[in-house]
């Protein structure tokens, strides 16, 4: 079997801590369990990458607004935000791990994600 390696796929997951990154890819989707729309952002730098899902829900909106704000795009009531505007933007994030109980298996899962979006 031949497996093609696309650009950026040879990178490792970023180490925990503060990282200056560029938004390299955005993918839209719907959560598997509850059908909540999300967009997944791939944050990259020369050392690696980390991906993070932003859920379009009341609980997820503060993180979405913060992300846009940190790259210089102000959220305004009554106006829509466009994820395409995020592509190529640079910012500083904090990379860390979060553990949770998988609702299907009950097993604890840990994932690496971006938190604390900071202006760079």
C-alpha atoms as a PDB file:
ATOM      1  CA  UNK A   1       0.000   0.000   0.000  1.00  0.00           C
ATOM      2  CA  UNK A   2       1.285   3.464  -0.847  1.00  0.00           C
ATOM      3  CA  UNK A   3       0.419   6.255   1.563  1.00  0.00           C
ATOM      4  CA  UNK A   4       0.753   9.861   0.449  1.00  0.00           C
ATOM      5  CA  UNK A   5       1.953  12.321   3.071  1.00  0.00           C
ATOM      6  CA  UNK A   6       0.464  15.748   2.498  1.00  0.00           C
ATOM      7  CA  UNK A   7       2.055  19.013   3.570  1.00  0.00           C
ATOM      8  CA  UNK A   8       2.160  19.395   7.340  1.00  0.00           C
ATOM      9  CA  UNK A   9       1.283  15.773   8.094  1.00  0.00           C
ATOM     10  CA  UNK A  10       4.858  14.979   9.076  1.00  0.00           C
ATOM     11  CA  UNK A  11       4.666  17.376  12.044  1.00  0.00           C
ATOM     12  CA  UNK A  12       4.326  16.220  15.644  1.00  0.00           C
ATOM     13  CA  UNK A  13       1.818  17.450  18.213  1.00  0.00           C
ATOM     14  CA  UNK A  14       2.960  20.646  19.930  1.00  0.00           C
ATOM     15  CA  UNK A  15       4.419  20.465  23.421  1.00  0.00           C
ATOM     16  CA  UNK A  16       2.416  21.849  26.337  1.00  0.00           C
ATOM     17  CA  UNK A  17       2.882  25.535  27.062  1.00  0.00           C
ATOM     18  CA  UNK A  18       2.701  28.841  25.246  1.00  0.00           C
ATOM     19  CA  UNK A  19       3.109  28.597  21.471  1.00  0.00           C
ATOM     20  CA  UNK A  20       3.017  31.224  18.704  1.00  0.00           C
ATOM     21  CA  UNK A  21       1.121  29.604  15.837  1.00  0.00           C
ATOM     22  CA  UNK A  22      -0.541  30.244  12.498  1.00  0.00           C
ATOM     23  CA  UNK A  23      -4.028  29.022  11.624  1.00  0.00           C
ATOM     24  CA  UNK A  24      -3.206  26.568   8.840  1.00  0.00           C
ATOM     25  CA  UNK A  25      -6.493  24.733   8.214  1.00  0.00           C
ATOM     26  CA  UNK A  26     -10.169  24.916   9.164  1.00  0.00           C
ATOM     27  CA  UNK A  27     -12.632  22.069   8.812  1.00  0.00           C
ATOM     28  CA  UNK A  28     -16.374  22.328   9.479  1.00  0.00           C
ATOM     29  CA  UNK A  29     -18.507  19.550  10.894  1.00  0.00           C
ATOM     30  CA  UNK A  30     -21.214  18.429  13.285  1.00  0.00           C
ATOM     31  CA  UNK A  31     -20.604  16.692  16.617  1.00  0.00           C
ATOM     32  CA  UNK A  32     -21.120  12.960  16.583  1.00  0.00           C
ATOM     33  CA  UNK A  33     -23.339  12.731  19.678  1.00  0.00           C
ATOM     34  CA  UNK A  34     -25.436  15.877  19.829  1.00  0.00           C
ATOM     35  CA  UNK A  35     -25.339  17.245  16.279  1.00  0.00           C
ATOM     36  CA  UNK A  36     -23.812  20.586  17.339  1.00  0.00           C
ATOM     37  CA  UNK A  37     -22.061  22.463  14.493  1.00  0.00           C
ATOM     38  CA  UNK A  38     -18.342  23.074  14.999  1.00  0.00           C
ATOM     39  CA  UNK A  39     -15.255  24.172  13.173  1.00  0.00           C
ATOM     40  CA  UNK A  40     -11.896  22.529  13.840  1.00  0.00           C
ATOM     41  CA  UNK A  41      -8.812  24.737  13.641  1.00  0.00           C
ATOM     42  CA  UNK A  42      -5.326  23.387  12.993  1.00  0.00           C
ATOM     43  CA  UNK A  43      -2.785  25.643  14.709  1.00  0.00           C
ATOM     44  CA  UNK A  44       0.782  25.146  13.400  1.00  0.00           C
ATOM     45  CA  UNK A  45       4.307  26.409  13.808  1.00  0.00           C
ATOM     46  CA  UNK A  46       7.709  25.011  12.800  1.00  0.00           C
ATOM     47  CA  UNK A  47       7.709  22.695  15.857  1.00  0.00           C
ATOM     48  CA  UNK A  48       4.360  21.009  15.242  1.00  0.00           C
ATOM     49  CA  UNK A  49       0.598  21.409  15.405  1.00  0.00           C
ATOM     50  CA  UNK A  50      -2.464  21.067  17.580  1.00  0.00           C
ATOM     51  CA  UNK A  51      -6.111  20.921  16.507  1.00  0.00           C
ATOM     52  CA  UNK A  52      -9.034  22.332  18.439  1.00  0.00           C
ATOM     53  CA  UNK A  53     -12.803  22.140  17.891  1.00  0.00           C
ATOM     54  CA  UNK A  54     -14.916  25.254  18.450  1.00  0.00           C
ATOM     55  CA  UNK A  55     -18.579  24.359  19.052  1.00  0.00           C
ATOM     56  CA  UNK A  56     -21.314  26.736  17.935  1.00  0.00           C
ATOM     57  CA  UNK A  57     -23.328  26.526  21.143  1.00  0.00           C
ATOM     58  CA  UNK A  58     -24.054  28.959  23.984  1.00  0.00           C
ATOM     59  CA  UNK A  59     -21.243  27.375  26.027  1.00  0.00           C
ATOM     60  CA  UNK A  60     -18.822  27.480  23.068  1.00  0.00           C
ATOM     61  CA  UNK A  61     -19.431  31.050  21.895  1.00  0.00           C
ATOM     62  CA  UNK A  62     -17.052  32.753  24.375  1.00  0.00           C
ATOM     63  CA  UNK A  63     -14.131  30.707  22.967  1.00  0.00           C
ATOM     64  CA  UNK A  64     -15.193  31.507  19.374  1.00  0.00           C
ATOM     65  CA  UNK A  65     -15.489  35.225  20.100  1.00  0.00           C
ATOM     66  CA  UNK A  66     -12.122  35.163  21.907  1.00  0.00           C
ATOM     67  CA  UNK A  67     -10.415  33.434  18.963  1.00  0.00           C
ATOM     68  CA  UNK A  68     -11.706  35.998  16.466  1.00  0.00           C
ATOM     69  CA  UNK A  69     -10.841  38.839  18.850  1.00  0.00           C
ATOM     70  CA  UNK A  70      -7.260  37.625  19.274  1.00  0.00           C
ATOM     71  CA  UNK A  71      -6.652  37.740  15.526  1.00  0.00           C
ATOM     72  CA  UNK A  72      -8.143  41.246  15.252  1.00  0.00           C
ATOM     73  CA  UNK A  73     -11.675  40.432  14.102  1.00  0.00           C
ATOM     74  CA  UNK A  74     -14.266  41.990  16.413  1.00  0.00           C
ATOM     75  CA  UNK A  75     -17.566  40.203  16.951  1.00  0.00           C
ATOM     76  CA  UNK A  76     -20.596  42.466  16.647  1.00  0.00           C
ATOM     77  CA  UNK A  77     -24.117  41.638  17.723  1.00  0.00           C
ATOM     78  CA  UNK A  78     -26.326  40.980  14.702  1.00  0.00           C
ATOM     79  CA  UNK A  79     -23.352  40.300  12.378  1.00  0.00           C
ATOM     80  CA  UNK A  80     -21.955  36.920  11.341  1.00  0.00           C
ATOM     81  CA  UNK A  81     -18.363  35.779  11.778  1.00  0.00           C
ATOM     82  CA  UNK A  82     -16.758  33.968   8.832  1.00  0.00           C
ATOM     83  CA  UNK A  83     -14.212  31.255   9.632  1.00  0.00           C
ATOM     84  CA  UNK A  84     -12.476  31.911   6.284  1.00  0.00           C
ATOM     85  CA  UNK A  85     -11.216  35.179   7.799  1.00  0.00           C
ATOM     86  CA  UNK A  86      -9.136  33.159  10.290  1.00  0.00           C
ATOM     87  CA  UNK A  87      -6.928  31.433   7.698  1.00  0.00           C
ATOM     88  CA  UNK A  88      -3.271  32.430   7.913  1.00  0.00           C
ATOM     89  CA  UNK A  89      -3.721  34.527  11.072  1.00  0.00           C
ATOM     90  CA  UNK A  90      -1.030  34.359  13.748  1.00  0.00           C
ATOM     91  CA  UNK A  91      -1.670  34.266  17.489  1.00  0.00           C
ATOM     92  CA  UNK A  92      -0.308  32.830  20.708  1.00  0.00           C
ATOM     93  CA  UNK A  93      -2.086  29.910  22.339  1.00  0.00           C
ATOM     94  CA  UNK A  94      -1.539  27.832  25.432  1.00  0.00           C
ATOM     95  CA  UNK A  95      -1.348  24.105  24.626  1.00  0.00           C
ATOM     96  CA  UNK A  96      -2.540  21.691  27.293  1.00  0.00           C
ATOM     97  CA  UNK A  97      -4.375  18.456  27.964  1.00  0.00           C
ATOM     98  CA  UNK A  98      -7.986  17.931  28.975  1.00  0.00           C
ATOM     99  CA  UNK A  99      -9.426  14.677  30.296  1.00  0.00           C
ATOM    100  CA  UNK A 100     -13.058  13.641  30.138  1.00  0.00           C
ATOM    101  CA  UNK A 101     -15.236  10.556  30.403  1.00  0.00           C
ATOM    102  CA  UNK A 102     -16.186   9.136  26.985  1.00  0.00           C
ATOM    103  CA  UNK A 103     -20.025   9.027  26.981  1.00  0.00           C
ATOM    104  CA  UNK A 104     -20.118   5.861  24.840  1.00  0.00           C
ATOM    105  CA  UNK A 105     -17.584   3.730  26.720  1.00  0.00           C
ATOM    106  CA  UNK A 106     -17.318   5.438  30.102  1.00  0.00           C
ATOM    107  CA  UNK A 107     -13.533   5.314  29.720  1.00  0.00           C
ATOM    108  CA  UNK A 108     -11.462   8.358  30.531  1.00  0.00           C
ATOM    109  CA  UNK A 109      -9.975  10.031  27.454  1.00  0.00           C
ATOM    110  CA  UNK A 110      -7.333  12.724  27.291  1.00  0.00           C
ATOM    111  CA  UNK A 111      -6.827  15.064  24.402  1.00  0.00           C
ATOM    112  CA  UNK A 112      -4.362  17.818  23.675  1.00  0.00           C
ATOM    113  CA  UNK A 113      -5.934  21.137  22.788  1.00  0.00           C
ATOM    114  CA  UNK A 114      -5.422  24.860  22.528  1.00  0.00           C
ATOM    115  CA  UNK A 115      -6.597  27.133  25.333  1.00  0.00           C
ATOM    116  CA  UNK A 116      -6.146  30.758  26.396  1.00  0.00           C
ATOM    117  CA  UNK A 117      -5.952  32.492  23.017  1.00  0.00           C
ATOM    118  CA  UNK A 118      -3.590  35.454  23.369  1.00  0.00           C
ATOM    119  CA  UNK A 119      -2.762  38.354  21.082  1.00  0.00           C
ATOM    120  CA  UNK A 120       0.671  37.905  19.544  1.00  0.00           C
END
